[in-house]
């Protein structure tokens, strides 16, 4: 199957524009193109269209691709991050989407201290409380952010969540509504060292619904690059 990546990319951008027009709480929306299991050749199709926001699930794969793409690329680490992998990405990643434990926050803080700058992070919240997914429970989120706010080299920028996969994406609208509610609650608290401006939610199956419910970042892979190859 031949995938027209540029055509797909344009289609996703049109869908994003339409979802914003339909109503998205006035947010600017950024598209993170998810490159998991896709080749440099495939990724270059959209980088050559001046799209530089890329997301990787795994540190190893990010490192393998890092030097093969232009320095304008801004990498987002969107998958689960183990503490022992933090040291490899401190100078390579623009935003970590998956902060989900105080131990991980402390490790990020330790590794960023020598660089004398904070790492921007999103707190992952498991709204639907799926056992197969990482993330904090809703009730844990605000206390966790308050605790992490004392770490000078970790800067909380917002939240990330993943909705359950369903055939009809309308069914997960309540998940995105709840994520937006928590996002607003944290924002209203004005916690020092916390700058709530980013809500990362929505993937290939449901990104238009997520935008309508307040997402500022959507993470789209297969709608752009086609099905993943696991060779």
N, C-alpha and C. Protein backbone atom coordinates (compact mmCIF):
# COMPACT_ATOMS: atom_id res chain seq x y z
N UNK A 1 0.84 -1.20 0.00
CA UNK A 1 0.00 0.00 0.00
C UNK A 1 0.88 1.26 0.00
N UNK A 2 0.67 2.12 -0.99
CA UNK A 2 1.41 3.37 -1.07
C UNK A 2 0.63 4.45 -0.31
N UNK A 3 1.30 5.10 0.63
CA UNK A 3 0.65 6.13 1.44
C UNK A 3 1.10 7.50 0.94
N UNK A 4 0.14 8.37 0.66
CA UNK A 4 0.46 9.75 0.27
C UNK A 4 0.54 10.59 1.54
N UNK A 5 1.74 10.65 2.10
CA UNK A 5 1.93 11.29 3.40
C UNK A 5 1.61 12.78 3.34
N UNK A 6 2.02 13.44 2.28
CA UNK A 6 1.77 14.89 2.18
C UNK A 6 0.28 15.17 2.07
N UNK A 7 -0.41 14.35 1.29
CA UNK A 7 -1.87 14.51 1.16
C UNK A 7 -2.56 14.26 2.51
N UNK A 8 -2.12 13.21 3.21
CA UNK A 8 -2.68 12.92 4.54
C UNK A 8 -2.43 14.07 5.51
N UNK A 9 -1.21 14.60 5.46
CA UNK A 9 -0.82 15.71 6.32
C UNK A 9 -1.72 16.92 6.10
N UNK A 10 -1.98 17.23 4.84
CA UNK A 10 -2.87 18.35 4.52
C UNK A 10 -4.28 18.09 5.02
N UNK A 11 -4.72 16.84 4.88
CA UNK A 11 -6.07 16.48 5.32
C UNK A 11 -6.22 16.64 6.84
N UNK A 12 -5.21 16.20 7.58
CA UNK A 12 -5.24 16.33 9.04
C UNK A 12 -5.28 17.81 9.43
N UNK A 13 -4.46 18.62 8.77
CA UNK A 13 -4.47 20.06 9.06
C UNK A 13 -5.81 20.70 8.74
N UNK A 14 -6.46 20.27 7.67
CA UNK A 14 -7.80 20.77 7.35
C UNK A 14 -8.80 20.36 8.42
N UNK A 15 -8.69 19.12 8.87
CA UNK A 15 -9.60 18.64 9.93
C UNK A 15 -9.41 19.44 11.22
N UNK A 16 -8.15 19.76 11.52
CA UNK A 16 -7.86 20.57 12.71
C UNK A 16 -8.51 21.95 12.56
N UNK A 17 -8.34 22.56 11.39
CA UNK A 17 -8.93 23.88 11.15
C UNK A 17 -10.45 23.84 11.28
N UNK A 18 -11.06 22.78 10.76
CA UNK A 18 -12.52 22.64 10.84
C UNK A 18 -12.98 22.47 12.28
N UNK A 19 -12.22 21.68 13.06
CA UNK A 19 -12.59 21.46 14.47
C UNK A 19 -12.46 22.75 15.27
N UNK A 20 -11.43 23.55 14.96
CA UNK A 20 -11.26 24.84 15.63
C UNK A 20 -12.43 25.76 15.31
N UNK A 21 -12.83 25.74 14.03
CA UNK A 21 -13.94 26.59 13.60
C UNK A 21 -15.25 26.17 14.27
N UNK A 22 -15.40 24.86 14.45
CA UNK A 22 -16.62 24.33 15.07
C UNK A 22 -16.74 24.80 16.52
N UNK A 23 -15.59 25.05 17.15
CA UNK A 23 -15.60 25.56 18.52
C UNK A 23 -14.59 24.83 19.37
N UNK A 24 -13.58 25.55 19.86
CA UNK A 24 -12.53 24.85 20.62
C UNK A 24 -12.07 25.66 21.82
N UNK A 25 -12.93 26.52 22.35
CA UNK A 25 -12.62 27.32 23.54
C UNK A 25 -11.52 28.35 23.25
N UNK A 26 -11.35 28.70 21.98
CA UNK A 26 -10.43 29.78 21.62
C UNK A 26 -8.96 29.43 21.63
N UNK A 27 -8.62 28.16 21.63
CA UNK A 27 -7.22 27.77 21.72
C UNK A 27 -6.53 27.72 20.35
N UNK A 28 -5.25 28.04 20.36
CA UNK A 28 -4.39 27.72 19.22
C UNK A 28 -4.02 26.24 19.38
N UNK A 29 -4.04 25.49 18.30
CA UNK A 29 -3.80 24.05 18.38
C UNK A 29 -2.53 23.67 17.60
N UNK A 30 -1.65 22.95 18.26
CA UNK A 30 -0.42 22.45 17.62
C UNK A 30 -0.57 20.97 17.29
N UNK A 31 -0.07 20.59 16.13
CA UNK A 31 -0.08 19.20 15.70
C UNK A 31 1.29 18.58 15.94
N UNK A 32 1.32 17.54 16.76
CA UNK A 32 2.52 16.73 16.93
C UNK A 32 2.40 15.52 16.02
N UNK A 33 3.29 15.41 15.05
CA UNK A 33 3.29 14.25 14.16
C UNK A 33 4.05 13.12 14.85
N UNK A 34 3.35 12.03 15.11
CA UNK A 34 3.92 10.92 15.89
C UNK A 34 4.66 9.97 14.95
N UNK A 35 5.96 9.82 15.21
CA UNK A 35 6.84 9.14 14.25
C UNK A 35 7.19 7.71 14.63
N UNK A 36 6.53 7.18 15.64
CA UNK A 36 6.84 5.82 16.12
C UNK A 36 6.77 4.80 14.98
N UNK A 37 7.86 4.03 14.84
CA UNK A 37 7.96 2.97 13.83
C UNK A 37 7.92 3.48 12.39
N UNK A 38 8.17 4.77 12.20
CA UNK A 38 8.25 5.30 10.83
C UNK A 38 9.68 5.72 10.51
N UNK A 39 10.02 5.65 9.24
CA UNK A 39 11.40 5.86 8.81
C UNK A 39 11.71 7.35 8.63
N UNK A 40 13.00 7.67 8.60
CA UNK A 40 13.45 9.04 8.34
C UNK A 40 12.90 9.51 7.00
N UNK A 41 12.90 8.62 6.02
CA UNK A 41 12.39 8.97 4.68
C UNK A 41 10.92 9.38 4.76
N UNK A 42 10.13 8.63 5.51
CA UNK A 42 8.70 8.97 5.67
C UNK A 42 8.53 10.29 6.40
N UNK A 43 9.27 10.44 7.49
CA UNK A 43 9.16 11.65 8.32
C UNK A 43 9.58 12.89 7.54
N UNK A 44 10.59 12.74 6.68
CA UNK A 44 11.11 13.87 5.91
C UNK A 44 10.05 14.50 5.01
N UNK A 45 9.05 13.72 4.62
CA UNK A 45 7.97 14.26 3.79
C UNK A 45 7.32 15.48 4.43
N UNK A 46 7.08 15.40 5.75
CA UNK A 46 6.40 16.54 6.39
C UNK A 46 7.41 17.57 6.91
N UNK A 47 8.61 17.11 7.28
CA UNK A 47 9.64 18.08 7.68
C UNK A 47 9.96 19.01 6.49
N UNK A 48 9.94 18.45 5.30
CA UNK A 48 10.17 19.26 4.10
C UNK A 48 9.02 20.22 3.80
N UNK A 49 7.88 20.00 4.47
CA UNK A 49 6.75 20.95 4.42
C UNK A 49 6.85 21.97 5.55
N UNK A 50 8.03 22.03 6.17
CA UNK A 50 8.28 22.94 7.30
C UNK A 50 7.44 22.63 8.53
N UNK A 51 7.17 21.35 8.74
CA UNK A 51 6.52 20.94 9.98
C UNK A 51 7.59 20.30 10.87
N UNK A 52 7.87 20.94 11.99
CA UNK A 52 9.01 20.54 12.82
C UNK A 52 8.61 19.98 14.18
N UNK A 53 7.32 19.84 14.45
CA UNK A 53 6.87 19.31 15.74
C UNK A 53 6.66 17.80 15.62
N UNK A 54 7.59 17.04 16.20
CA UNK A 54 7.54 15.58 16.10
C UNK A 54 7.46 14.96 17.48
N UNK A 55 6.77 13.82 17.57
CA UNK A 55 6.62 13.13 18.85
C UNK A 55 7.08 11.69 18.77
N UNK A 56 7.81 11.26 19.77
CA UNK A 56 8.24 9.85 19.85
C UNK A 56 7.77 9.24 21.16
N UNK A 57 7.43 7.96 21.10
CA UNK A 57 7.01 7.23 22.30
C UNK A 57 8.18 6.69 23.09
N UNK A 58 9.25 6.32 22.39
CA UNK A 58 10.36 5.64 23.06
C UNK A 58 11.64 6.46 22.93
N UNK A 59 12.39 6.53 24.02
CA UNK A 59 13.64 7.28 24.03
C UNK A 59 14.61 6.72 22.99
N UNK A 60 14.75 5.41 22.93
CA UNK A 60 15.70 4.79 22.01
C UNK A 60 15.43 5.19 20.57
N UNK A 61 14.17 5.19 20.20
CA UNK A 61 13.82 5.53 18.82
C UNK A 61 14.06 7.02 18.55
N UNK A 62 13.79 7.85 19.53
CA UNK A 62 14.08 9.28 19.39
C UNK A 62 15.57 9.50 19.15
N UNK A 63 16.40 8.81 19.93
CA UNK A 63 17.85 8.97 19.80
C UNK A 63 18.34 8.50 18.44
N UNK A 64 17.74 7.42 17.93
CA UNK A 64 18.14 6.90 16.63
C UNK A 64 17.83 7.88 15.49
N UNK A 65 16.78 8.67 15.67
CA UNK A 65 16.35 9.59 14.61
C UNK A 65 16.92 10.99 14.76
N UNK A 66 17.36 11.32 15.95
CA UNK A 66 17.68 12.70 16.31
C UNK A 66 18.67 13.36 15.34
N UNK A 67 19.77 12.69 15.07
CA UNK A 67 20.82 13.30 14.25
C UNK A 67 20.53 13.26 12.75
N UNK A 68 19.48 12.54 12.37
CA UNK A 68 19.19 12.40 10.94
C UNK A 68 18.18 13.43 10.43
N UNK A 69 17.70 14.28 11.33
CA UNK A 69 16.70 15.28 10.96
C UNK A 69 17.22 16.67 11.28
N UNK A 70 16.70 17.69 10.62
CA UNK A 70 17.23 19.05 10.81
C UNK A 70 17.14 19.51 12.27
N UNK A 71 18.01 20.43 12.63
CA UNK A 71 18.03 20.91 14.02
C UNK A 71 16.79 21.74 14.35
N UNK A 72 16.03 22.16 13.33
CA UNK A 72 14.79 22.89 13.60
C UNK A 72 13.72 22.01 14.24
N UNK A 73 13.86 20.70 14.09
CA UNK A 73 12.86 19.78 14.66
C UNK A 73 12.80 19.94 16.17
N UNK A 74 11.57 20.04 16.69
CA UNK A 74 11.34 20.09 18.13
C UNK A 74 10.70 18.75 18.54
N UNK A 75 11.46 17.99 19.31
CA UNK A 75 10.99 16.66 19.72
C UNK A 75 10.15 16.73 21.00
N UNK A 76 9.06 15.99 20.98
CA UNK A 76 8.22 15.81 22.17
C UNK A 76 8.28 14.33 22.55
N UNK A 77 8.56 14.06 23.81
CA UNK A 77 8.56 12.68 24.31
C UNK A 77 7.15 12.41 24.83
N UNK A 78 6.40 11.59 24.10
CA UNK A 78 4.97 11.42 24.43
C UNK A 78 4.66 10.10 25.11
N UNK A 79 5.61 9.16 25.11
CA UNK A 79 5.37 7.87 25.72
C UNK A 79 5.87 7.81 27.16
N UNK A 80 5.62 6.69 27.81
CA UNK A 80 6.06 6.50 29.19
C UNK A 80 7.58 6.64 29.29
N UNK A 81 8.02 7.39 30.28
CA UNK A 81 9.45 7.67 30.44
C UNK A 81 9.97 7.02 31.73
N UNK A 82 10.99 6.17 31.56
CA UNK A 82 11.63 5.55 32.73
C UNK A 82 12.71 6.48 33.26
N UNK A 83 12.90 6.44 34.58
CA UNK A 83 13.87 7.33 35.21
C UNK A 83 15.28 7.17 34.63
N UNK A 84 15.66 5.92 34.32
CA UNK A 84 17.03 5.69 33.85
C UNK A 84 17.26 6.17 32.41
N UNK A 85 16.20 6.65 31.75
CA UNK A 85 16.35 7.16 30.36
C UNK A 85 16.39 8.68 30.30
N UNK A 86 16.09 9.33 31.42
CA UNK A 86 15.99 10.80 31.41
C UNK A 86 17.30 11.44 30.94
N UNK A 87 18.43 10.90 31.40
CA UNK A 87 19.73 11.51 31.10
C UNK A 87 20.02 11.61 29.61
N UNK A 88 19.36 10.77 28.81
CA UNK A 88 19.65 10.75 27.37
C UNK A 88 18.92 11.86 26.60
N UNK A 89 17.93 12.47 27.20
CA UNK A 89 17.07 13.37 26.42
C UNK A 89 17.03 14.81 26.94
N UNK A 90 17.77 15.10 28.01
CA UNK A 90 17.66 16.44 28.62
C UNK A 90 17.98 17.57 27.65
N UNK A 91 18.87 17.33 26.71
CA UNK A 91 19.25 18.38 25.76
C UNK A 91 18.59 18.19 24.39
N UNK A 92 17.65 17.26 24.30
CA UNK A 92 17.09 16.92 23.00
C UNK A 92 15.58 17.13 22.90
N UNK A 93 14.91 17.23 24.04
CA UNK A 93 13.45 17.22 24.04
C UNK A 93 12.89 18.59 24.43
N UNK A 94 11.91 19.04 23.68
CA UNK A 94 11.25 20.32 23.95
C UNK A 94 10.23 20.18 25.08
N UNK A 95 9.51 19.05 25.11
CA UNK A 95 8.43 18.88 26.08
C UNK A 95 8.24 17.39 26.37
N UNK A 96 8.15 17.06 27.66
CA UNK A 96 7.82 15.69 28.08
C UNK A 96 6.33 15.67 28.41
N UNK A 97 5.60 14.78 27.73
CA UNK A 97 4.14 14.73 27.91
C UNK A 97 3.70 13.77 29.01
N UNK A 98 4.63 13.02 29.60
CA UNK A 98 4.22 11.85 30.38
C UNK A 98 4.79 11.82 31.79
N UNK A 99 4.83 12.97 32.45
CA UNK A 99 5.27 13.01 33.85
C UNK A 99 4.16 12.39 34.71
N UNK A 100 4.51 11.30 35.41
CA UNK A 100 3.46 10.57 36.13
C UNK A 100 3.89 10.09 37.52
N UNK A 101 5.07 10.54 37.99
CA UNK A 101 5.48 10.14 39.35
C UNK A 101 6.46 11.18 39.90
N UNK A 102 6.48 11.28 41.23
CA UNK A 102 7.40 12.23 41.85
C UNK A 102 8.84 11.78 41.67
N UNK A 103 9.07 10.48 41.66
CA UNK A 103 10.41 9.96 41.42
C UNK A 103 10.95 10.39 40.07
N UNK A 104 10.10 10.34 39.05
CA UNK A 104 10.51 10.79 37.71
C UNK A 104 10.76 12.30 37.72
N UNK A 105 9.93 13.05 38.40
CA UNK A 105 10.11 14.51 38.48
C UNK A 105 11.45 14.85 39.14
N UNK A 106 11.78 14.13 40.20
CA UNK A 106 13.05 14.38 40.90
C UNK A 106 14.25 14.07 39.99
N UNK A 107 14.14 13.01 39.21
CA UNK A 107 15.22 12.64 38.29
C UNK A 107 15.38 13.71 37.20
N UNK A 108 14.27 14.19 36.66
CA UNK A 108 14.33 15.25 35.65
C UNK A 108 14.98 16.49 36.26
N UNK A 109 14.57 16.84 37.48
CA UNK A 109 15.11 18.01 38.17
C UNK A 109 16.63 17.88 38.35
N UNK A 110 17.07 16.68 38.75
CA UNK A 110 18.50 16.43 38.97
C UNK A 110 19.28 16.57 37.67
N UNK A 111 18.73 16.02 36.58
CA UNK A 111 19.45 16.03 35.30
C UNK A 111 19.44 17.40 34.63
N UNK A 112 18.44 18.23 34.92
CA UNK A 112 18.37 19.56 34.31
C UNK A 112 19.19 20.59 35.08
N UNK A 113 19.47 20.31 36.34
CA UNK A 113 20.19 21.28 37.18
C UNK A 113 21.53 21.71 36.57
N UNK A 114 22.37 20.76 36.08
CA UNK A 114 23.64 21.19 35.47
C UNK A 114 23.46 22.07 34.23
N UNK A 115 22.31 21.91 33.56
CA UNK A 115 22.03 22.72 32.36
C UNK A 115 21.49 24.10 32.73
N UNK A 116 21.15 24.24 34.02
CA UNK A 116 20.65 25.51 34.56
C UNK A 116 19.40 26.02 33.82
N UNK A 117 18.55 25.08 33.43
CA UNK A 117 17.26 25.47 32.85
C UNK A 117 16.24 24.39 33.15
N UNK A 118 14.97 24.76 33.29
CA UNK A 118 13.96 23.75 33.60
C UNK A 118 13.52 22.97 32.37
N UNK A 119 13.03 21.76 32.60
CA UNK A 119 12.41 20.97 31.54
C UNK A 119 10.90 21.20 31.59
N UNK A 120 10.32 21.54 30.47
CA UNK A 120 8.87 21.68 30.39
C UNK A 120 8.23 20.30 30.36
N UNK A 121 7.22 20.12 31.20
CA UNK A 121 6.57 18.81 31.34
C UNK A 121 5.06 18.95 31.41
N UNK A 122 4.38 17.92 30.92
CA UNK A 122 2.94 17.78 31.12
C UNK A 122 2.70 16.62 32.08
N UNK A 123 1.73 16.78 32.94
CA UNK A 123 1.37 15.71 33.88
C UNK A 123 0.36 14.80 33.19
N UNK A 124 0.68 13.51 33.14
CA UNK A 124 -0.22 12.56 32.51
C UNK A 124 -1.30 12.13 33.49
N UNK A 125 -2.55 12.31 33.07
CA UNK A 125 -3.70 11.96 33.91
C UNK A 125 -4.48 10.85 33.21
N UNK A 126 -4.75 9.79 33.94
CA UNK A 126 -5.50 8.65 33.41
C UNK A 126 -6.97 8.86 33.75
N UNK A 127 -7.63 9.71 32.98
CA UNK A 127 -9.00 10.12 33.27
C UNK A 127 -9.94 8.91 33.36
N UNK A 128 -9.81 8.01 32.39
CA UNK A 128 -10.72 6.86 32.33
C UNK A 128 -10.28 5.73 33.27
N UNK A 129 -9.14 5.91 33.95
CA UNK A 129 -8.59 4.92 34.88
C UNK A 129 -8.48 3.53 34.24
N UNK A 130 -7.93 3.54 33.01
CA UNK A 130 -7.67 2.28 32.32
C UNK A 130 -6.42 1.62 32.92
N UNK A 131 -6.52 0.36 33.24
CA UNK A 131 -5.38 -0.34 33.84
C UNK A 131 -4.20 -0.45 32.89
N UNK A 132 -4.47 -0.43 31.60
CA UNK A 132 -3.40 -0.59 30.61
C UNK A 132 -2.63 0.71 30.36
N UNK A 133 -3.06 1.81 30.97
CA UNK A 133 -2.41 3.09 30.70
C UNK A 133 -1.78 3.66 31.96
N UNK A 134 -0.70 4.43 31.75
CA UNK A 134 -0.04 5.14 32.84
C UNK A 134 -0.81 6.42 33.15
N UNK A 135 -0.41 7.08 34.21
CA UNK A 135 -1.01 8.37 34.53
C UNK A 135 -1.62 8.40 35.91
N UNK A 136 -1.79 9.62 36.42
CA UNK A 136 -2.36 9.83 37.74
C UNK A 136 -3.88 9.72 37.70
N UNK A 137 -4.46 9.37 38.83
CA UNK A 137 -5.91 9.45 38.96
C UNK A 137 -6.30 10.92 39.12
N UNK A 138 -7.55 11.21 38.81
CA UNK A 138 -8.01 12.60 38.86
C UNK A 138 -7.74 13.23 40.22
N UNK A 139 -8.07 12.51 41.29
CA UNK A 139 -7.93 13.08 42.65
C UNK A 139 -6.48 13.33 43.03
N UNK A 140 -5.55 12.65 42.38
CA UNK A 140 -4.12 12.80 42.70
C UNK A 140 -3.48 13.99 42.00
N UNK A 141 -4.15 14.51 40.98
CA UNK A 141 -3.49 15.43 40.05
C UNK A 141 -3.05 16.74 40.69
N UNK A 142 -3.97 17.43 41.35
CA UNK A 142 -3.61 18.74 41.91
C UNK A 142 -2.58 18.61 43.04
N UNK A 143 -2.74 17.66 44.00
CA UNK A 143 -1.69 17.50 45.01
C UNK A 143 -0.33 17.18 44.40
N UNK A 144 -0.30 16.38 43.35
CA UNK A 144 0.95 16.04 42.68
C UNK A 144 1.60 17.29 42.08
N UNK A 145 0.82 18.09 41.39
CA UNK A 145 1.37 19.31 40.77
C UNK A 145 1.89 20.26 41.83
N UNK A 146 1.18 20.37 42.95
CA UNK A 146 1.64 21.24 44.04
C UNK A 146 2.98 20.75 44.59
N UNK A 147 3.13 19.43 44.69
CA UNK A 147 4.38 18.86 45.20
C UNK A 147 5.53 19.11 44.22
N UNK A 148 5.28 18.85 42.94
CA UNK A 148 6.33 18.99 41.92
C UNK A 148 6.72 20.46 41.72
N UNK A 149 5.80 21.38 42.01
CA UNK A 149 6.07 22.80 41.78
C UNK A 149 7.26 23.32 42.59
N UNK A 150 7.67 22.57 43.62
CA UNK A 150 8.81 22.99 44.45
C UNK A 150 10.15 22.60 43.82
N UNK A 151 10.11 21.82 42.73
CA UNK A 151 11.36 21.43 42.05
C UNK A 151 11.71 22.51 41.02
N UNK A 152 12.83 23.21 41.20
CA UNK A 152 13.10 24.38 40.37
C UNK A 152 13.39 24.09 38.90
N UNK A 153 13.81 22.84 38.59
CA UNK A 153 14.19 22.54 37.22
C UNK A 153 13.17 21.65 36.50
N UNK A 154 11.95 21.62 37.06
CA UNK A 154 10.81 20.99 36.38
C UNK A 154 9.72 22.05 36.29
N UNK A 155 9.26 22.33 35.06
CA UNK A 155 8.21 23.35 34.89
C UNK A 155 6.96 22.69 34.31
N UNK A 156 5.91 22.64 35.11
CA UNK A 156 4.65 22.06 34.65
C UNK A 156 3.97 23.04 33.71
N UNK A 157 3.67 22.55 32.50
CA UNK A 157 3.04 23.39 31.48
C UNK A 157 1.58 23.01 31.23
N UNK A 158 1.16 21.88 31.80
CA UNK A 158 -0.22 21.47 31.55
C UNK A 158 -0.42 19.99 31.79
N UNK A 159 -1.41 19.45 31.10
CA UNK A 159 -1.80 18.04 31.28
C UNK A 159 -1.79 17.30 29.96
N UNK A 160 -1.65 15.99 30.06
CA UNK A 160 -1.82 15.10 28.91
C UNK A 160 -2.73 13.95 29.32
N UNK A 161 -3.61 13.55 28.42
CA UNK A 161 -4.41 12.36 28.67
C UNK A 161 -4.64 11.60 27.38
N UNK A 162 -4.96 10.31 27.53
CA UNK A 162 -5.32 9.45 26.40
C UNK A 162 -6.70 8.87 26.67
N UNK A 163 -7.56 8.99 25.71
CA UNK A 163 -8.90 8.42 25.85
C UNK A 163 -8.89 6.95 25.43
N UNK A 164 -9.81 6.15 25.94
CA UNK A 164 -9.92 4.77 25.48
C UNK A 164 -10.19 4.73 23.97
N UNK A 165 -9.70 3.67 23.32
CA UNK A 165 -9.99 3.52 21.89
C UNK A 165 -11.39 2.97 21.72
N UNK A 166 -12.21 3.68 20.97
CA UNK A 166 -13.58 3.22 20.70
C UNK A 166 -13.87 3.44 19.21
N UNK A 167 -14.85 2.70 18.70
CA UNK A 167 -15.22 2.85 17.28
C UNK A 167 -15.80 4.23 17.01
N UNK A 168 -16.65 4.71 17.93
CA UNK A 168 -17.29 6.02 17.76
C UNK A 168 -16.62 7.02 18.69
N UNK A 169 -15.79 7.93 18.16
CA UNK A 169 -15.05 8.84 19.03
C UNK A 169 -15.93 9.76 19.88
N UNK A 170 -17.19 9.93 19.48
CA UNK A 170 -18.11 10.74 20.31
C UNK A 170 -18.22 10.18 21.73
N UNK A 171 -18.01 8.87 21.85
CA UNK A 171 -18.16 8.24 23.17
C UNK A 171 -17.11 8.70 24.17
N UNK A 172 -15.96 9.22 23.67
CA UNK A 172 -14.91 9.65 24.60
C UNK A 172 -14.93 11.15 24.86
N UNK A 173 -15.93 11.84 24.34
CA UNK A 173 -16.03 13.28 24.59
C UNK A 173 -16.02 13.59 26.10
N UNK A 174 -16.72 12.80 26.95
CA UNK A 174 -16.69 13.09 28.39
C UNK A 174 -15.29 13.03 29.00
N UNK A 175 -14.42 12.17 28.46
CA UNK A 175 -13.04 12.08 28.96
C UNK A 175 -12.32 13.40 28.72
N UNK A 176 -12.48 13.94 27.52
CA UNK A 176 -11.82 15.20 27.19
C UNK A 176 -12.42 16.37 27.96
N UNK A 177 -13.72 16.33 28.17
CA UNK A 177 -14.38 17.38 28.98
C UNK A 177 -13.80 17.39 30.39
N UNK A 178 -13.63 16.20 30.97
CA UNK A 178 -13.10 16.09 32.33
C UNK A 178 -11.66 16.57 32.40
N UNK A 179 -10.86 16.22 31.39
CA UNK A 179 -9.47 16.69 31.36
C UNK A 179 -9.41 18.21 31.30
N UNK A 180 -10.29 18.81 30.50
CA UNK A 180 -10.33 20.27 30.40
C UNK A 180 -10.73 20.90 31.74
N UNK A 181 -11.69 20.27 32.43
CA UNK A 181 -12.12 20.78 33.74
C UNK A 181 -10.96 20.79 34.74
N UNK A 182 -10.20 19.69 34.77
CA UNK A 182 -9.05 19.62 35.71
C UNK A 182 -8.00 20.67 35.31
N UNK A 183 -7.76 20.77 34.02
CA UNK A 183 -6.82 21.76 33.49
C UNK A 183 -7.19 23.16 33.98
N UNK A 184 -8.47 23.50 33.89
CA UNK A 184 -8.93 24.82 34.33
C UNK A 184 -8.80 24.98 35.85
N UNK A 185 -9.08 23.91 36.60
CA UNK A 185 -8.96 23.97 38.06
C UNK A 185 -7.53 24.28 38.48
N UNK A 186 -6.58 23.59 37.83
CA UNK A 186 -5.17 23.83 38.17
C UNK A 186 -4.78 25.26 37.79
N UNK A 187 -5.21 25.69 36.62
CA UNK A 187 -4.88 27.04 36.15
C UNK A 187 -5.36 28.10 37.15
N UNK A 188 -6.57 27.91 37.66
CA UNK A 188 -7.15 28.89 38.58
C UNK A 188 -6.43 28.95 39.93
N UNK A 189 -5.70 27.90 40.26
CA UNK A 189 -4.98 27.88 41.53
C UNK A 189 -3.71 28.76 41.51
N UNK A 190 -3.25 29.11 40.31
CA UNK A 190 -2.05 29.96 40.18
C UNK A 190 -0.89 29.45 41.04
N UNK A 191 -0.56 28.19 40.88
CA UNK A 191 0.53 27.58 41.66
C UNK A 191 1.86 28.12 41.15
N UNK A 192 2.74 28.58 42.06
CA UNK A 192 4.05 29.08 41.62
C UNK A 192 4.83 28.02 40.82
N UNK A 193 5.58 28.47 39.81
CA UNK A 193 6.40 27.59 38.96
C UNK A 193 5.56 26.65 38.10
N UNK A 194 4.26 26.93 38.00
CA UNK A 194 3.36 26.13 37.15
C UNK A 194 2.73 27.08 36.14
N UNK A 195 2.91 26.78 34.87
CA UNK A 195 2.40 27.66 33.81
C UNK A 195 1.46 26.86 32.92
N UNK A 196 0.19 26.81 33.31
CA UNK A 196 -0.78 25.95 32.64
C UNK A 196 -1.26 26.57 31.32
N UNK A 197 -0.58 26.18 30.23
CA UNK A 197 -1.02 26.69 28.93
C UNK A 197 -1.17 25.57 27.89
N UNK A 198 -0.96 24.32 28.30
CA UNK A 198 -0.93 23.22 27.33
C UNK A 198 -1.81 22.07 27.78
N UNK A 199 -2.71 21.64 26.89
CA UNK A 199 -3.55 20.46 27.14
C UNK A 199 -3.39 19.52 25.95
N UNK A 200 -2.62 18.46 26.16
CA UNK A 200 -2.30 17.52 25.10
C UNK A 200 -3.28 16.34 25.17
N UNK A 201 -4.17 16.28 24.20
CA UNK A 201 -5.13 15.16 24.16
C UNK A 201 -5.68 15.04 22.75
N UNK A 202 -6.00 13.81 22.38
CA UNK A 202 -6.50 13.54 21.05
C UNK A 202 -5.45 12.92 20.17
N UNK A 203 -5.80 11.77 19.56
CA UNK A 203 -4.91 11.07 18.64
C UNK A 203 -5.67 10.81 17.35
N UNK A 204 -5.10 9.98 16.48
CA UNK A 204 -5.69 9.78 15.15
C UNK A 204 -7.20 9.52 15.21
N UNK A 205 -7.64 8.73 16.15
CA UNK A 205 -9.05 8.32 16.18
C UNK A 205 -10.00 9.40 16.69
N UNK A 206 -9.48 10.35 17.47
CA UNK A 206 -10.41 11.24 18.19
C UNK A 206 -9.93 12.69 18.30
N UNK A 207 -8.93 13.07 17.49
CA UNK A 207 -8.33 14.40 17.70
C UNK A 207 -9.29 15.55 17.44
N UNK A 208 -10.26 15.35 16.54
CA UNK A 208 -11.20 16.45 16.27
C UNK A 208 -12.11 16.71 17.47
N UNK A 209 -12.55 15.64 18.11
CA UNK A 209 -13.36 15.78 19.33
C UNK A 209 -12.54 16.45 20.42
N UNK A 210 -11.28 16.03 20.56
CA UNK A 210 -10.39 16.61 21.59
C UNK A 210 -10.23 18.12 21.39
N UNK A 211 -10.08 18.54 20.13
CA UNK A 211 -9.94 19.97 19.84
C UNK A 211 -11.20 20.73 20.25
N UNK A 212 -12.35 20.16 19.92
CA UNK A 212 -13.61 20.80 20.29
C UNK A 212 -13.74 20.96 21.81
N UNK A 213 -13.09 20.06 22.54
CA UNK A 213 -13.20 20.09 24.01
C UNK A 213 -12.02 20.79 24.69
N UNK A 214 -11.15 21.46 23.90
CA UNK A 214 -10.15 22.31 24.52
C UNK A 214 -8.70 21.91 24.38
N UNK A 215 -8.39 20.89 23.58
CA UNK A 215 -6.99 20.50 23.39
C UNK A 215 -6.20 21.64 22.76
N UNK A 216 -4.95 21.80 23.21
CA UNK A 216 -4.04 22.74 22.55
C UNK A 216 -2.96 21.99 21.75
N UNK A 217 -2.84 20.69 22.02
CA UNK A 217 -1.92 19.83 21.26
C UNK A 217 -2.67 18.54 20.93
N UNK A 218 -2.56 18.10 19.67
CA UNK A 218 -3.03 16.77 19.30
C UNK A 218 -1.84 15.97 18.78
N UNK A 219 -1.89 14.65 19.01
CA UNK A 219 -0.76 13.76 18.67
C UNK A 219 -1.26 12.77 17.62
N UNK A 220 -0.85 12.98 16.38
CA UNK A 220 -1.42 12.20 15.27
C UNK A 220 -0.30 11.49 14.52
N UNK A 221 -0.42 10.17 14.38
CA UNK A 221 0.58 9.38 13.67
C UNK A 221 0.03 8.72 12.43
N UNK A 222 -0.79 7.68 12.61
CA UNK A 222 -1.19 6.86 11.48
C UNK A 222 -2.08 7.59 10.48
N UNK A 223 -2.81 8.64 10.90
CA UNK A 223 -3.61 9.42 9.95
C UNK A 223 -2.71 10.20 8.99
N UNK A 224 -1.44 10.39 9.37
CA UNK A 224 -0.47 11.07 8.50
C UNK A 224 0.39 10.06 7.75
N UNK A 225 1.02 9.15 8.50
CA UNK A 225 2.02 8.26 7.91
C UNK A 225 1.48 6.91 7.46
N UNK A 226 0.21 6.64 7.76
CA UNK A 226 -0.34 5.33 7.45
C UNK A 226 -0.05 4.36 8.58
N UNK A 227 -0.49 3.10 8.44
CA UNK A 227 -0.29 2.11 9.49
C UNK A 227 1.20 1.94 9.82
N UNK A 228 1.49 1.69 11.09
CA UNK A 228 2.88 1.49 11.51
C UNK A 228 3.41 0.16 11.00
N UNK A 229 4.68 0.19 10.66
CA UNK A 229 5.39 -1.04 10.31
C UNK A 229 6.14 -1.52 11.54
N UNK A 230 5.95 -2.78 11.91
CA UNK A 230 6.62 -3.31 13.10
C UNK A 230 7.76 -4.27 12.74
N UNK A 231 8.30 -4.11 11.52
CA UNK A 231 9.42 -4.98 11.11
C UNK A 231 10.66 -4.66 11.91
